[in-house]
Protein backbone atom coordinates (compact mmCIF):
# COMPACT_ATOMS: atom_id res chain seq x y z
CA ALA A 1 -9.99 14.17 13.86
CA ALA A 2 -8.87 13.53 10.26
CA THR A 3 -6.77 10.67 9.32
CA ALA A 4 -3.24 11.09 8.23
CA ILE A 5 -1.01 8.42 6.56
CA VAL A 6 2.63 9.14 6.20
CA ASN A 7 4.42 6.90 3.88
CA VAL A 8 8.09 6.58 4.81
CA SER A 9 10.58 5.30 2.20
CA GLY A 10 13.86 3.51 3.02
CA VAL A 11 15.04 0.21 4.44
CA ASN A 12 16.52 1.46 7.68
CA PHE A 13 15.16 4.26 9.90
CA LYS A 14 16.69 5.73 13.25
CA ASP A 15 14.62 8.42 14.93
CA MET A 16 16.68 11.00 16.78
CA ALA A 17 14.10 13.76 16.81
CA ASN A 18 11.60 14.39 19.70
CA PHE A 19 8.12 15.60 18.92
CA ASN A 20 5.08 15.97 21.27
CA ALA A 21 1.39 15.50 20.43
CA GLY A 22 -1.88 14.57 21.94
CA ALA A 23 -4.26 11.68 21.74
CA ASP A 24 -5.60 12.69 18.34
CA VAL A 25 -2.26 12.19 16.72
CA ASN A 26 -1.63 9.00 18.63
CA GLN A 27 -4.98 7.45 17.21
CA HIS A 28 -5.40 9.05 13.95
CA VAL A 29 -1.68 8.95 12.18
CA LEU A 30 -0.37 6.04 10.57
CA TRP A 31 3.23 5.95 9.88
CA ASN A 32 3.78 3.38 6.88
CA PHE A 33 7.23 1.87 6.73
CA ALA A 34 6.34 -0.42 3.85
CA ASP A 35 9.96 -1.20 2.62
CA ALA A 36 11.63 -1.09 6.17
CA SER A 37 13.67 -4.08 7.56
CA ARG A 38 14.87 -2.06 10.64
CA LEU A 39 13.48 0.64 12.74
CA ASP A 40 15.09 2.18 15.86
CA PHE A 41 13.15 4.71 17.86
CA GLN A 42 15.28 6.57 20.30
CA ARG A 43 12.89 9.50 21.02
CA PHE A 44 9.38 9.87 21.98
CA TRP A 45 7.23 8.78 19.02
CA HIS A 46 3.46 9.59 18.25
CA GLY A 47 1.00 7.63 15.99
CA SER A 48 0.66 4.05 14.94
CA ILE A 49 3.54 2.31 13.12
CA LEU A 50 2.84 -0.03 10.32
CA ALA A 51 6.07 -1.99 9.49
CA PRO A 52 4.99 -5.58 8.91
CA ASP A 53 8.58 -6.86 7.72
CA ALA A 54 10.85 -4.80 10.17
CA PHE A 55 12.59 -5.39 13.43
CA VAL A 56 11.59 -2.59 15.66
CA THR A 57 13.30 -1.37 18.66
CA ASN A 58 12.67 1.45 20.99
CA SER A 59 14.48 3.17 23.99
CA THR A 60 11.63 5.64 24.82
CA PRO A 61 7.78 5.57 24.56
CA LEU A 62 5.96 4.70 21.41
CA GLU A 63 2.44 6.26 21.58
CA GLY A 64 0.23 4.30 19.28
CA ALA A 65 -0.22 0.80 17.89
CA LEU A 66 2.53 -1.19 16.61
CA ILE A 67 2.51 -3.70 13.80
CA ALA A 68 6.02 -5.24 13.06
CA GLY A 69 7.81 -8.38 11.94
CA SER A 70 9.59 -8.41 15.39
CA PHE A 71 9.99 -6.15 18.33
CA LYS A 72 12.47 -5.54 21.03
CA GLY A 73 11.18 -3.03 23.53
CA GLY A 74 13.66 -1.10 25.69
CA GLY A 75 11.16 1.79 26.26
CA GLU A 76 7.43 1.89 26.91
CA LEU A 77 4.79 0.94 24.47
CA HIS A 78 1.53 2.93 24.94
CA ASN A 79 -0.90 0.95 22.69
CA PHE A 80 -3.55 3.65 21.53
CA ALA A 81 -5.78 2.04 19.25
CA PHE A 82 -5.85 3.46 15.67
CA LEU A 83 -9.21 4.93 15.14
CA GLY A 84 -8.41 6.54 11.48
CA ALA A 85 -10.41 5.77 8.48
CA LEU A 86 -8.37 3.81 5.84
CA PRO A 87 -9.12 4.05 2.11
CA ALA A 88 -10.81 1.31 0.38
CA ALA A 89 -8.41 -1.01 -1.63
CA GLY A 90 -8.86 -3.00 -4.83
CA VAL A 91 -11.52 -0.64 -6.64
CA PRO A 92 -10.55 -0.23 -10.36
CA GLU A 93 -10.62 3.39 -11.52
CA PRO A 94 -12.91 4.36 -14.38
CA ALA A 95 -9.97 4.90 -16.72
CA THR A 96 -8.59 1.51 -16.08
CA LEU A 97 -12.01 0.00 -16.99
CA GLY A 98 -12.08 1.94 -20.33
CA ILE A 99 -8.60 0.73 -21.24
CA LEU A 100 -9.68 -2.77 -20.53
CA ALA A 101 -12.69 -2.40 -22.77
CA ILE A 102 -10.73 -0.94 -25.70
CA GLY A 103 -8.29 -3.80 -25.31
CA LEU A 104 -11.14 -6.48 -25.33
CA ALA A 105 -12.84 -4.87 -28.33
CA GLY A 106 -9.38 -4.84 -30.33
CA LEU A 107 -9.02 -8.57 -29.50
CA VAL A 108 -12.61 -9.25 -30.73
CA HIS A 109 -12.08 -7.16 -33.94
CA ALA A 110 -8.86 -8.95 -34.65
CA ARG A 111 -10.35 -12.51 -34.23
CA ALA A 112 -13.31 -11.54 -36.56
CA ALA A 113 -10.92 -10.17 -39.27
CA ARG A 114 -8.96 -13.41 -38.96
CA ALA A 115 -12.08 -15.49 -39.38
CA ARG A 116 -13.11 -13.44 -42.48
CA ARG A 117 -9.58 -13.89 -44.11
CA ALA A 118 -9.91 -17.77 -43.53
CA THR A 119 -13.31 -17.85 -44.99
CA ALA A 120 -12.27 -15.68 -47.99
CA SER A 121 -9.32 -18.00 -48.53
CA LYS A 122 -11.37 -21.20 -48.24
CA ALA A 123 -13.81 -19.90 -50.83
CA LEU A 124 -11.00 -19.04 -53.38
CA ARG A 125 -9.58 -22.74 -53.05
CA HIS A 126 -12.88 -24.17 -53.89
CA LYS A 127 -13.38 -21.99 -56.96
CA ALA A 128 -9.99 -23.14 -58.32
């Protein structure tokens, strides 16, 4: 099964909808609550939950792994291991490297030009 990463914005989240799914969703969907400070699951929820800074509560089953700042369980937590593939992080894009190279070349050129001006100025003082 393919991996799905769902980025959810907002500080607070309260789930009131019920949806049904199978083990593939439970093990291959990652709900990323990057900015959340509080999550409240009141209906059946499928997929792994990533909310490292959030206080999470539930009153019904959570079907997947849970990573949270803190957790107060009022419902079941069925720990389905996340089996999805996550993208690699920290690899610079080719365009970024090109921009860096242009910037470094500009600094080298500016330094060389400054050295030439200093040498020319020194030569003029010696002639006078």
